[in-house]
Amino acid sequence: PAGGYSYVSDQRKKGSVKELFSQGFLGPTILLWIACFFNVLIIYFVISWIPSLLRTTELTRDAGVLAVTAFSFGGMIGSLAQGALMNRFGVRRFILMEFVACLCCFGALSAVSSNLIFSVALFGLLGFMVNGIQAGLNVFAIEKIYPLSIRATGIGWAGGIGRIGSMTGPLLGGLFLTFHLTINQVYLMALLPVVAAAIATFFNKSK
């Protein structure tokens, strides 16, 4: 019937990509994309290059496998715990706390890069944070940015931008190796995307 067709058309119009850049959503959308891009970049950079980088240190060959395993396990726990922790501390506040913790992890890794136990523990904590953040950014988009009519579109596009970060992270690691950076220098360079994502989240105040 004509009425039903109009309703469906109206719903599709409301959920269009154009809506993400109108009615005050332009700034929050761009800032969300920045946060997703850099956070996913960090995840895939660690998974792709940390084993190779750790082999340049005095650690054993198994160090890279242990580090990625700890990172992945920490990520699983972080994703599961994210909801409860955001309920306790607040969505934006806890995500920002996690970004600060990421900065501390990379800074600490640059200081203990030749210590297996500390390095593996820090990678586990880092995995907890960055994977938790990624889950948290979806909740952030729902609660703080998009209304129901464009929520799925907004989260879908933010995830798509994050996938670009997943391709950029491994490329960035290759660039670091091209310039012959030490592993400590790489850890310090990793602070930059964390800072960028944190700043984008801090200033993203749509609601």
N, C-alpha and C. Protein backbone atom coordinates (compact mmCIF):
# COMPACT_ATOMS: atom_id res chain seq x y z
N PRO A 1 0.82 -1.20 0.00
CA PRO A 1 0.00 0.00 0.00
C PRO A 1 0.85 1.24 0.00
N ALA A 2 0.23 2.33 -0.47
CA ALA A 2 0.99 3.58 -0.61
C ALA A 2 1.53 4.06 0.71
N GLY A 3 0.74 3.92 1.78
CA GLY A 3 1.20 4.39 3.08
C GLY A 3 2.42 3.64 3.55
N GLY A 4 2.43 2.31 3.36
CA GLY A 4 3.58 1.51 3.78
C GLY A 4 4.82 1.86 3.01
N TYR A 5 4.67 2.10 1.70
CA TYR A 5 5.82 2.46 0.87
C TYR A 5 6.43 3.77 1.32
N SER A 6 5.59 4.73 1.66
CA SER A 6 6.08 6.03 2.11
C SER A 6 6.86 5.89 3.40
N TYR A 7 6.37 5.02 4.30
CA TYR A 7 7.05 4.81 5.57
C TYR A 7 8.44 4.22 5.37
N VAL A 8 8.55 3.20 4.52
CA VAL A 8 9.84 2.58 4.25
C VAL A 8 10.79 3.58 3.61
N SER A 9 10.28 4.34 2.65
CA SER A 9 11.13 5.33 1.98
C SER A 9 11.62 6.36 2.96
N ASP A 10 10.73 6.78 3.88
CA ASP A 10 11.11 7.78 4.86
C ASP A 10 12.18 7.24 5.79
N GLN A 11 12.05 5.96 6.19
CA GLN A 11 13.04 5.37 7.07
C GLN A 11 14.39 5.27 6.38
N ARG A 12 14.39 4.89 5.10
CA ARG A 12 15.66 4.80 4.37
C ARG A 12 16.30 6.16 4.22
N LYS A 13 15.47 7.17 4.00
CA LYS A 13 16.01 8.52 3.87
C LYS A 13 16.67 8.96 5.17
N LYS A 14 15.99 8.66 6.28
CA LYS A 14 16.55 9.05 7.57
C LYS A 14 17.84 8.31 7.87
N GLY A 15 17.98 7.10 7.35
CA GLY A 15 19.16 6.32 7.64
C GLY A 15 20.25 6.45 6.59
N SER A 16 20.16 7.45 5.74
CA SER A 16 21.14 7.60 4.67
C SER A 16 22.44 8.18 5.20
N VAL A 17 23.51 7.98 4.42
CA VAL A 17 24.82 8.49 4.80
C VAL A 17 24.80 10.01 4.90
N LYS A 18 23.99 10.66 4.08
CA LYS A 18 23.90 12.11 4.10
C LYS A 18 23.54 12.64 5.47
N GLU A 19 22.73 11.89 6.19
CA GLU A 19 22.30 12.31 7.53
C GLU A 19 23.48 12.42 8.50
N LEU A 20 24.56 11.67 8.25
CA LEU A 20 25.71 11.71 9.14
C LEU A 20 26.46 13.02 9.06
N PHE A 21 26.18 13.81 8.02
CA PHE A 21 26.90 15.06 7.81
C PHE A 21 25.96 16.27 7.85
N SER A 22 24.80 16.09 8.45
CA SER A 22 23.84 17.19 8.54
C SER A 22 23.26 17.23 9.94
N GLN A 23 22.50 18.26 10.22
CA GLN A 23 21.80 18.41 11.49
C GLN A 23 22.74 18.33 12.70
N GLY A 24 23.92 18.87 12.57
CA GLY A 24 24.85 18.90 13.68
C GLY A 24 25.68 17.66 13.88
N PHE A 25 25.58 16.67 12.98
CA PHE A 25 26.32 15.43 13.13
C PHE A 25 27.68 15.42 12.43
N LEU A 26 27.98 16.45 11.64
CA LEU A 26 29.23 16.45 10.88
C LEU A 26 30.45 16.35 11.79
N GLY A 27 30.57 17.26 12.74
CA GLY A 27 31.72 17.24 13.64
C GLY A 27 31.84 15.96 14.43
N PRO A 28 30.77 15.54 15.11
CA PRO A 28 30.85 14.29 15.87
C PRO A 28 31.18 13.07 15.00
N THR A 29 30.66 13.05 13.77
CA THR A 29 30.95 11.92 12.88
C THR A 29 32.43 11.88 12.53
N ILE A 30 32.99 13.02 12.15
CA ILE A 30 34.42 13.07 11.79
C ILE A 30 35.29 12.69 12.98
N LEU A 31 34.96 13.19 14.16
CA LEU A 31 35.76 12.88 15.35
C LEU A 31 35.66 11.40 15.70
N LEU A 32 34.47 10.82 15.54
CA LEU A 32 34.32 9.38 15.78
C LEU A 32 35.15 8.58 14.79
N TRP A 33 35.15 9.00 13.54
CA TRP A 33 35.94 8.30 12.52
C TRP A 33 37.43 8.37 12.85
N ILE A 34 37.88 9.53 13.31
CA ILE A 34 39.30 9.69 13.67
C ILE A 34 39.65 8.71 14.80
N ALA A 35 38.80 8.66 15.82
CA ALA A 35 39.06 7.77 16.95
C ALA A 35 39.09 6.31 16.52
N CYS A 36 38.12 5.92 15.70
CA CYS A 36 38.07 4.52 15.23
C CYS A 36 39.26 4.19 14.34
N PHE A 37 39.62 5.09 13.45
CA PHE A 37 40.74 4.86 12.54
C PHE A 37 42.03 4.60 13.31
N PHE A 38 42.34 5.50 14.24
CA PHE A 38 43.62 5.37 14.94
C PHE A 38 43.62 4.23 15.94
N ASN A 39 42.47 3.94 16.55
CA ASN A 39 42.45 2.85 17.52
C ASN A 39 42.62 1.50 16.82
N VAL A 40 41.94 1.30 15.69
CA VAL A 40 42.10 0.04 14.95
C VAL A 40 43.51 -0.04 14.35
N LEU A 41 44.06 1.09 13.95
CA LEU A 41 45.44 1.12 13.47
C LEU A 41 46.38 0.54 14.52
N ILE A 42 46.19 0.93 15.78
CA ILE A 42 47.04 0.43 16.86
C ILE A 42 46.88 -1.08 17.00
N ILE A 43 45.65 -1.55 16.97
CA ILE A 43 45.40 -2.99 17.13
C ILE A 43 46.16 -3.80 16.08
N TYR A 44 46.02 -3.41 14.83
CA TYR A 44 46.63 -4.20 13.75
C TYR A 44 48.13 -3.97 13.64
N PHE A 45 48.58 -2.82 14.08
CA PHE A 45 50.03 -2.60 14.12
C PHE A 45 50.67 -3.56 15.11
N VAL A 46 50.08 -3.68 16.30
CA VAL A 46 50.63 -4.57 17.32
C VAL A 46 50.61 -6.02 16.83
N ILE A 47 49.47 -6.46 16.30
CA ILE A 47 49.36 -7.85 15.86
C ILE A 47 50.31 -8.17 14.71
N SER A 48 50.50 -7.21 13.80
CA SER A 48 51.30 -7.47 12.60
C SER A 48 52.80 -7.38 12.82
N TRP A 49 53.25 -6.44 13.65
CA TRP A 49 54.67 -6.14 13.68
C TRP A 49 55.39 -6.39 15.00
N ILE A 50 54.66 -6.47 16.08
CA ILE A 50 55.35 -6.63 17.36
C ILE A 50 56.19 -7.92 17.41
N PRO A 51 55.72 -9.06 16.89
CA PRO A 51 56.59 -10.25 16.90
C PRO A 51 57.93 -10.01 16.20
N SER A 52 57.88 -9.34 15.05
CA SER A 52 59.13 -9.06 14.31
C SER A 52 60.01 -8.08 15.08
N LEU A 53 59.38 -7.08 15.67
CA LEU A 53 60.16 -6.08 16.40
C LEU A 53 60.80 -6.66 17.65
N LEU A 54 60.09 -7.55 18.32
CA LEU A 54 60.65 -8.15 19.53
C LEU A 54 61.85 -9.04 19.22
N ARG A 55 61.89 -9.58 18.02
CA ARG A 55 63.04 -10.41 17.65
C ARG A 55 64.31 -9.59 17.50
N THR A 56 64.16 -8.26 17.43
CA THR A 56 65.35 -7.40 17.35
C THR A 56 65.95 -7.13 18.72
N THR A 57 65.29 -7.59 19.78
CA THR A 57 65.79 -7.37 21.13
C THR A 57 66.51 -8.63 21.62
N GLU A 58 66.85 -8.62 22.90
CA GLU A 58 67.53 -9.76 23.50
C GLU A 58 66.57 -10.88 23.91
N LEU A 59 65.29 -10.67 23.67
CA LEU A 59 64.30 -11.66 24.08
C LEU A 59 64.35 -12.89 23.18
N THR A 60 63.76 -13.97 23.64
CA THR A 60 63.75 -15.21 22.87
C THR A 60 62.79 -15.09 21.69
N ARG A 61 62.86 -16.05 20.78
CA ARG A 61 61.98 -16.04 19.61
C ARG A 61 60.51 -16.21 20.00
N ASP A 62 60.29 -16.84 21.13
CA ASP A 62 58.91 -17.06 21.58
C ASP A 62 58.28 -15.79 22.15
N ALA A 63 59.06 -14.76 22.36
CA ALA A 63 58.54 -13.55 22.99
C ALA A 63 57.42 -12.93 22.16
N GLY A 64 57.60 -12.91 20.85
CA GLY A 64 56.59 -12.31 19.98
C GLY A 64 55.27 -13.05 20.05
N VAL A 65 55.34 -14.38 20.06
CA VAL A 65 54.13 -15.20 20.15
C VAL A 65 53.44 -14.96 21.49
N LEU A 66 54.22 -14.90 22.56
CA LEU A 66 53.65 -14.67 23.89
C LEU A 66 53.00 -13.29 23.97
N ALA A 67 53.66 -12.30 23.37
CA ALA A 67 53.14 -10.93 23.41
C ALA A 67 51.81 -10.82 22.67
N VAL A 68 51.73 -11.40 21.48
CA VAL A 68 50.48 -11.34 20.70
C VAL A 68 49.39 -12.14 21.38
N THR A 69 49.76 -13.29 21.97
CA THR A 69 48.77 -14.09 22.70
C THR A 69 48.20 -13.31 23.88
N ALA A 70 49.10 -12.65 24.63
CA ALA A 70 48.65 -11.84 25.76
C ALA A 70 47.79 -10.68 25.30
N PHE A 71 48.19 -10.07 24.19
CA PHE A 71 47.42 -8.95 23.63
C PHE A 71 46.01 -9.42 23.23
N SER A 72 45.92 -10.55 22.58
CA SER A 72 44.63 -11.08 22.13
C SER A 72 43.75 -11.50 23.30
N PHE A 73 44.36 -12.17 24.28
CA PHE A 73 43.60 -12.60 25.46
C PHE A 73 43.12 -11.38 26.25
N GLY A 74 44.00 -10.40 26.41
CA GLY A 74 43.60 -9.18 27.09
C GLY A 74 42.47 -8.48 26.35
N GLY A 75 42.53 -8.52 25.01
CA GLY A 75 41.47 -7.90 24.21
C GLY A 75 40.13 -8.58 24.41
N MET A 76 40.14 -9.90 24.53
CA MET A 76 38.90 -10.62 24.76
C MET A 76 38.28 -10.22 26.10
N ILE A 77 39.12 -10.18 27.14
CA ILE A 77 38.63 -9.79 28.46
C ILE A 77 38.16 -8.34 28.46
N GLY A 78 38.92 -7.48 27.79
CA GLY A 78 38.55 -6.07 27.75
C GLY A 78 37.22 -5.83 27.07
N SER A 79 36.98 -6.54 25.98
CA SER A 79 35.71 -6.39 25.26
C SER A 79 34.53 -6.85 26.12
N LEU A 80 34.73 -7.94 26.88
CA LEU A 80 33.66 -8.46 27.73
C LEU A 80 33.39 -7.55 28.92
N ALA A 81 34.45 -6.95 29.44
CA ALA A 81 34.31 -6.12 30.66
C ALA A 81 33.92 -4.68 30.37
N GLN A 82 34.01 -4.27 29.10
CA GLN A 82 33.84 -2.85 28.76
C GLN A 82 32.48 -2.30 29.21
N GLY A 83 31.42 -3.05 28.96
CA GLY A 83 30.09 -2.55 29.29
C GLY A 83 29.93 -2.24 30.77
N ALA A 84 30.34 -3.18 31.61
CA ALA A 84 30.21 -2.99 33.06
C ALA A 84 31.07 -1.82 33.54
N LEU A 85 32.27 -1.70 32.99
CA LEU A 85 33.16 -0.62 33.41
C LEU A 85 32.66 0.75 32.96
N MET A 86 32.07 0.82 31.77
CA MET A 86 31.51 2.09 31.32
C MET A 86 30.27 2.46 32.13
N ASN A 87 29.51 1.47 32.54
CA ASN A 87 28.37 1.75 33.42
C ASN A 87 28.84 2.32 34.75
N ARG A 88 29.98 1.84 35.19
CA ARG A 88 30.52 2.27 36.50
C ARG A 88 31.13 3.66 36.42
N PHE A 89 31.88 3.95 35.37
CA PHE A 89 32.64 5.20 35.31
C PHE A 89 32.09 6.22 34.32
N GLY A 90 31.17 5.81 33.46
CA GLY A 90 30.68 6.69 32.41
C GLY A 90 31.35 6.36 31.08
N VAL A 91 30.60 6.51 29.99
CA VAL A 91 31.09 6.06 28.69
C VAL A 91 32.33 6.83 28.25
N ARG A 92 32.21 8.15 28.06
CA ARG A 92 33.36 8.92 27.58
C ARG A 92 34.50 8.92 28.58
N ARG A 93 34.16 9.05 29.84
CA ARG A 93 35.21 9.11 30.86
C ARG A 93 36.05 7.85 30.87
N PHE A 94 35.40 6.69 30.80
CA PHE A 94 36.18 5.45 30.87
C PHE A 94 37.00 5.24 29.60
N ILE A 95 36.46 5.59 28.44
CA ILE A 95 37.24 5.48 27.20
C ILE A 95 38.48 6.35 27.29
N LEU A 96 38.34 7.56 27.81
CA LEU A 96 39.50 8.45 27.96
C LEU A 96 40.49 7.88 28.97
N MET A 97 39.99 7.27 30.03
CA MET A 97 40.87 6.61 30.99
C MET A 97 41.66 5.50 30.32
N GLU A 98 41.02 4.77 29.42
CA GLU A 98 41.70 3.70 28.71
C GLU A 98 42.78 4.25 27.77
N PHE A 99 42.49 5.36 27.13
CA PHE A 99 43.51 5.96 26.27
C PHE A 99 44.74 6.39 27.09
N VAL A 100 44.50 6.94 28.27
CA VAL A 100 45.61 7.31 29.15
C VAL A 100 46.41 6.07 29.53
N ALA A 101 45.69 4.98 29.83
CA ALA A 101 46.37 3.73 30.17
C ALA A 101 47.20 3.20 29.00
N CYS A 102 46.68 3.38 27.77
CA CYS A 102 47.45 2.96 26.58
C CYS A 102 48.75 3.75 26.47
N LEU A 103 48.66 5.04 26.72
CA LEU A 103 49.87 5.88 26.69
C LEU A 103 50.88 5.38 27.72
N CYS A 104 50.39 5.05 28.89
CA CYS A 104 51.29 4.54 29.93
C CYS A 104 51.91 3.20 29.53
N CYS A 105 51.11 2.35 28.88
CA CYS A 105 51.62 1.04 28.45
C CYS A 105 52.75 1.19 27.43
N PHE A 106 52.53 2.02 26.41
CA PHE A 106 53.57 2.20 25.40
C PHE A 106 54.81 2.87 26.01
N GLY A 107 54.59 3.82 26.90
CA GLY A 107 55.73 4.46 27.56
C GLY A 107 56.51 3.46 28.39
N ALA A 108 55.79 2.60 29.13
CA ALA A 108 56.46 1.59 29.95
C ALA A 108 57.17 0.55 29.08
N LEU A 109 56.56 0.18 27.96
CA LEU A 109 57.20 -0.78 27.06
C LEU A 109 58.53 -0.28 26.53
N SER A 110 58.60 1.02 26.29
CA SER A 110 59.86 1.59 25.80
C SER A 110 60.96 1.51 26.85
N ALA A 111 60.55 1.39 28.13
CA ALA A 111 61.53 1.33 29.21
C ALA A 111 61.92 -0.10 29.58
N VAL A 112 61.05 -1.09 29.26
CA VAL A 112 61.31 -2.48 29.67
C VAL A 112 61.28 -3.42 28.47
N SER A 113 61.66 -2.93 27.31
CA SER A 113 61.53 -3.72 26.09
C SER A 113 62.35 -5.01 26.10
N SER A 114 63.35 -5.12 26.95
CA SER A 114 64.17 -6.33 26.99
C SER A 114 63.77 -7.27 28.12
N ASN A 115 62.68 -6.94 28.82
CA ASN A 115 62.22 -7.78 29.93
C ASN A 115 60.99 -8.54 29.48
N LEU A 116 61.08 -9.86 29.40
CA LEU A 116 60.00 -10.67 28.85
C LEU A 116 58.73 -10.58 29.68
N ILE A 117 58.84 -10.76 30.99
CA ILE A 117 57.66 -10.81 31.85
C ILE A 117 56.90 -9.49 31.80
N PHE A 118 57.61 -8.39 31.96
CA PHE A 118 56.96 -7.08 31.95
C PHE A 118 56.37 -6.77 30.58
N SER A 119 57.10 -7.12 29.53
CA SER A 119 56.62 -6.84 28.18
C SER A 119 55.32 -7.59 27.88
N VAL A 120 55.30 -8.87 28.21
CA VAL A 120 54.10 -9.68 27.96
C VAL A 120 52.92 -9.16 28.79
N ALA A 121 53.18 -8.81 30.05
CA ALA A 121 52.11 -8.28 30.91
C ALA A 121 51.57 -6.98 30.36
N LEU A 122 52.45 -6.12 29.89
CA LEU A 122 52.02 -4.83 29.34
C LEU A 122 51.24 -5.01 28.05
N PHE A 123 51.63 -5.97 27.23
CA PHE A 123 50.87 -6.23 26.00
C PHE A 123 49.48 -6.78 26.33
N GLY A 124 49.38 -7.58 27.38
CA GLY A 124 48.08 -8.04 27.81
C GLY A 124 47.19 -6.89 28.25
N LEU A 125 47.76 -5.97 29.02
CA LEU A 125 47.02 -4.80 29.47
C LEU A 125 46.66 -3.90 28.29
N LEU A 126 47.60 -3.75 27.36
CA LEU A 126 47.34 -2.94 26.17
C LEU A 126 46.20 -3.53 25.34
N GLY A 127 46.20 -4.85 25.19
CA GLY A 127 45.11 -5.50 24.46
C GLY A 127 43.78 -5.27 25.14
N PHE A 128 43.77 -5.35 26.47
CA PHE A 128 42.55 -5.08 27.23
C PHE A 128 42.02 -3.69 26.91
N MET A 129 42.92 -2.71 26.85
CA MET A 129 42.51 -1.33 26.65
C MET A 129 42.04 -1.05 25.22
N VAL A 130 42.87 -1.35 24.23
CA VAL A 130 42.52 -0.92 22.87
C VAL A 130 41.33 -1.69 22.31
N ASN A 131 41.21 -2.97 22.64
CA ASN A 131 40.04 -3.71 22.18
C ASN A 131 38.79 -3.29 22.94
N GLY A 132 38.95 -2.99 24.22
CA GLY A 132 37.83 -2.46 24.98
C GLY A 132 37.38 -1.11 24.45
N ILE A 133 38.33 -0.29 24.08
CA ILE A 133 38.01 1.02 23.51
C ILE A 133 37.17 0.87 22.25
N GLN A 134 37.55 -0.07 21.39
CA GLN A 134 36.83 -0.25 20.14
C GLN A 134 35.38 -0.64 20.39
N ALA A 135 35.17 -1.52 21.36
CA ALA A 135 33.79 -1.85 21.74
C ALA A 135 33.10 -0.64 22.35
N GLY A 136 33.85 0.11 23.14
CA GLY A 136 33.28 1.28 23.78
C GLY A 136 32.90 2.38 22.81
N LEU A 137 33.65 2.53 21.73
CA LEU A 137 33.33 3.56 20.75
C LEU A 137 31.98 3.30 20.08
N ASN A 138 31.61 2.04 19.93
CA ASN A 138 30.28 1.72 19.40
C ASN A 138 29.18 2.19 20.36
N VAL A 139 29.41 1.95 21.64
CA VAL A 139 28.44 2.40 22.64
C VAL A 139 28.42 3.93 22.70
N PHE A 140 29.59 4.53 22.57
CA PHE A 140 29.69 5.99 22.56
C PHE A 140 28.87 6.58 21.42
N ALA A 141 28.96 5.94 20.25
CA ALA A 141 28.19 6.42 19.09
C ALA A 141 26.70 6.32 19.35
N ILE A 142 26.28 5.26 20.02
CA ILE A 142 24.86 5.05 20.30
C ILE A 142 24.34 6.04 21.32
N GLU A 143 25.09 6.21 22.41
CA GLU A 143 24.59 7.01 23.53
C GLU A 143 24.85 8.50 23.36
N LYS A 144 25.95 8.86 22.70
CA LYS A 144 26.37 10.25 22.70
C LYS A 144 26.24 10.96 21.36
N ILE A 145 26.02 10.23 20.28
CA ILE A 145 26.06 10.89 18.97
C ILE A 145 24.76 10.72 18.19
N TYR A 146 24.44 9.49 17.82
CA TYR A 146 23.39 9.27 16.81
C TYR A 146 22.04 8.89 17.41
N PRO A 147 20.96 9.45 16.86
CA PRO A 147 19.62 8.99 17.23
C PRO A 147 19.33 7.65 16.58
N LEU A 148 18.24 7.05 16.97
CA LEU A 148 17.91 5.71 16.49
C LEU A 148 17.82 5.62 14.97
N SER A 149 17.32 6.68 14.32
CA SER A 149 17.08 6.63 12.88
C SER A 149 18.34 6.46 12.05
N ILE A 150 19.50 6.92 12.55
CA ILE A 150 20.74 6.80 11.78
C ILE A 150 21.82 6.05 12.54
N ARG A 151 21.43 5.40 13.60
CA ARG A 151 22.41 4.73 14.46
C ARG A 151 23.17 3.63 13.73
N ALA A 152 22.46 2.76 13.04
CA ALA A 152 23.11 1.65 12.34
C ALA A 152 24.04 2.17 11.25
N THR A 153 23.60 3.20 10.53
CA THR A 153 24.44 3.78 9.48
C THR A 153 25.70 4.40 10.08
N GLY A 154 25.54 5.12 11.17
CA GLY A 154 26.69 5.76 11.80
C GLY A 154 27.72 4.77 12.29
N ILE A 155 27.26 3.72 12.97
CA ILE A 155 28.19 2.71 13.49
C ILE A 155 28.82 1.93 12.35
N GLY A 156 28.03 1.63 11.31
CA GLY A 156 28.57 0.90 10.17
C GLY A 156 29.68 1.65 9.47
N TRP A 157 29.48 2.94 9.26
CA TRP A 157 30.51 3.74 8.59
C TRP A 157 31.73 3.94 9.48
N ALA A 158 31.53 4.09 10.76
CA ALA A 158 32.67 4.21 11.68
C ALA A 158 33.50 2.93 11.65
N GLY A 159 32.82 1.78 11.61
CA GLY A 159 33.53 0.52 11.50
C GLY A 159 34.29 0.40 10.19
N GLY A 160 33.70 0.92 9.11
CA GLY A 160 34.38 0.90 7.81
C GLY A 160 35.64 1.75 7.81
N ILE A 161 35.56 2.91 8.44
CA ILE A 161 36.75 3.75 8.57
C ILE A 161 37.81 3.06 9.41
N GLY A 162 37.35 2.34 10.43
CA GLY A 162 38.28 1.57 11.24
C GLY A 162 39.02 0.52 10.42
N ARG A 163 38.34 -0.06 9.43
CA ARG A 163 39.01 -1.05 8.59
C ARG A 163 40.14 -0.44 7.78
N ILE A 164 40.00 0.84 7.43
CA ILE A 164 41.12 1.52 6.76
C ILE A 164 42.31 1.57 7.71
N GLY A 165 42.02 1.81 8.99
CA GLY A 165 43.10 1.78 9.98
C GLY A 165 43.75 0.42 10.08
N SER A 166 42.95 -0.65 9.88
CA SER A 166 43.51 -2.00 9.95
C SER A 166 44.49 -2.26 8.82
N MET A 167 44.33 -1.55 7.70
CA MET A 167 45.28 -1.68 6.59
C MET A 167 46.48 -0.76 6.78
N THR A 168 46.25 0.37 7.43
CA THR A 168 47.31 1.36 7.62
C THR A 168 48.30 0.92 8.69
N GLY A 169 47.81 0.24 9.73
CA GLY A 169 48.69 -0.19 10.82
C GLY A 169 49.87 -1.03 10.36
N PRO A 170 49.64 -2.10 9.60
CA PRO A 170 50.77 -2.90 9.09
C PRO A 170 51.70 -2.09 8.19
N LEU A 171 51.14 -1.20 7.38
CA LEU A 171 51.98 -0.37 6.51
C LEU A 171 52.86 0.55 7.34
N LEU A 172 52.31 1.05 8.44
CA LEU A 172 53.08 1.93 9.31
C LEU A 172 54.25 1.19 9.93
N GLY A 173 54.02 -0.07 10.32
CA GLY A 173 55.11 -0.87 10.86
C GLY A 173 56.22 -1.07 9.84
N GLY A 174 55.84 -1.31 8.59
CA GLY A 174 56.84 -1.45 7.54
C GLY A 174 57.63 -0.18 7.34
N LEU A 175 56.95 0.96 7.47
CA LEU A 175 57.63 2.25 7.34
C LEU A 175 58.64 2.44 8.46
N PHE A 176 58.27 2.05 9.67
CA PHE A 176 59.20 2.16 10.79
C PHE A 176 60.46 1.33 10.55
N LEU A 177 60.27 0.13 10.02
CA LEU A 177 61.42 -0.73 9.75
C LEU A 177 62.29 -0.14 8.64
N THR A 178 61.66 0.51 7.67
CA THR A 178 62.40 1.13 6.58
C THR A 178 63.36 2.20 7.11
N PHE A 179 62.89 2.92 8.13
CA PHE A 179 63.73 3.98 8.72
C PHE A 179 64.62 3.45 9.84
N HIS A 180 64.62 2.13 10.03
CA HIS A 180 65.51 1.48 10.99
C HIS A 180 65.33 2.04 12.41
N LEU A 181 64.09 2.26 12.80
CA LEU A 181 63.84 2.72 14.17
C LEU A 181 64.06 1.56 15.14
N THR A 182 64.57 1.89 16.31
CA THR A 182 64.70 0.87 17.35
C THR A 182 63.32 0.56 17.92
N ILE A 183 63.20 -0.55 18.62
CA ILE A 183 61.89 -0.92 19.16
C ILE A 183 61.42 0.11 20.18
N ASN A 184 62.34 0.70 20.93
CA ASN A 184 61.95 1.74 21.89
C ASN A 184 61.40 2.96 21.17
N GLN A 185 62.00 3.32 20.05
CA GLN A 185 61.50 4.44 19.26
C GLN A 185 60.13 4.13 18.67
N VAL A 186 59.93 2.89 18.27
CA VAL A 186 58.62 2.48 17.73
C VAL A 186 57.54 2.62 18.79
N TYR A 187 57.84 2.18 20.00
CA TYR A 187 56.88 2.30 21.09
C TYR A 187 56.51 3.77 21.32
N LEU A 188 57.49 4.63 21.27
CA LEU A 188 57.23 6.06 21.48
C LEU A 188 56.43 6.65 20.32
N MET A 189 56.72 6.21 19.10
CA MET A 189 55.95 6.68 17.94
C MET A 189 54.49 6.23 18.05
N ALA A 190 54.26 5.08 18.68
CA ALA A 190 52.90 4.56 18.82
C ALA A 190 52.05 5.45 19.73
N LEU A 191 52.70 6.33 20.48
CA LEU A 191 51.95 7.26 21.33
C LEU A 191 51.11 8.22 20.49
N LEU A 192 51.58 8.54 19.28
CA LEU A 192 50.92 9.56 18.46
C LEU A 192 49.49 9.18 18.06
N PRO A 193 49.25 7.97 17.51
CA PRO A 193 47.85 7.63 17.20
C PRO A 193 46.97 7.53 18.43
N VAL A 194 47.54 7.13 19.57
CA VAL A 194 46.75 7.08 20.80
C VAL A 194 46.31 8.49 21.20
N VAL A 195 47.24 9.43 21.12
CA VAL A 195 46.92 10.82 21.46
C VAL A 195 45.86 11.37 20.51
N ALA A 196 46.01 11.08 19.21
CA ALA A 196 45.04 11.58 18.22
C ALA A 196 43.65 11.04 18.50
N ALA A 197 43.54 9.74 18.79
CA ALA A 197 42.23 9.14 19.09
C ALA A 197 41.65 9.69 20.38
N ALA A 198 42.49 9.91 21.37
CA ALA A 198 42.02 10.44 22.65
C ALA A 198 41.50 11.87 22.50
N ILE A 199 42.22 12.69 21.76
CA ILE A 199 41.79 14.07 21.54
C ILE A 199 40.46 14.11 20.81
N ALA A 200 40.32 13.26 19.79
CA ALA A 200 39.07 13.21 19.03
C ALA A 200 37.91 12.83 19.93
N THR A 201 38.13 11.88 20.82
CA THR A 201 37.06 11.44 21.73
C THR A 201 36.74 12.52 22.76
N PHE A 202 37.77 13.17 23.25
CA PHE A 202 37.58 14.21 24.27
C PHE A 202 36.70 15.35 23.76
N PHE A 203 36.92 15.76 22.51
CA PHE A 203 36.19 16.88 21.96
C PHE A 203 34.87 16.48 21.27
N ASN A 204 34.56 15.19 21.26
CA ASN A 204 33.34 14.73 20.62
C ASN A 204 32.20 14.78 21.65
N LYS A 205 31.48 15.86 21.65
CA LYS A 205 30.44 16.09 22.65
C LYS A 205 29.15 16.50 21.97
N SER A 206 28.59 15.58 21.21
CA SER A 206 27.37 15.87 20.46
C SER A 206 26.18 16.07 21.38
N LYS A 207 26.04 15.20 22.39
CA LYS A 207 24.90 15.29 23.30
C LYS A 207 25.33 15.77 24.66
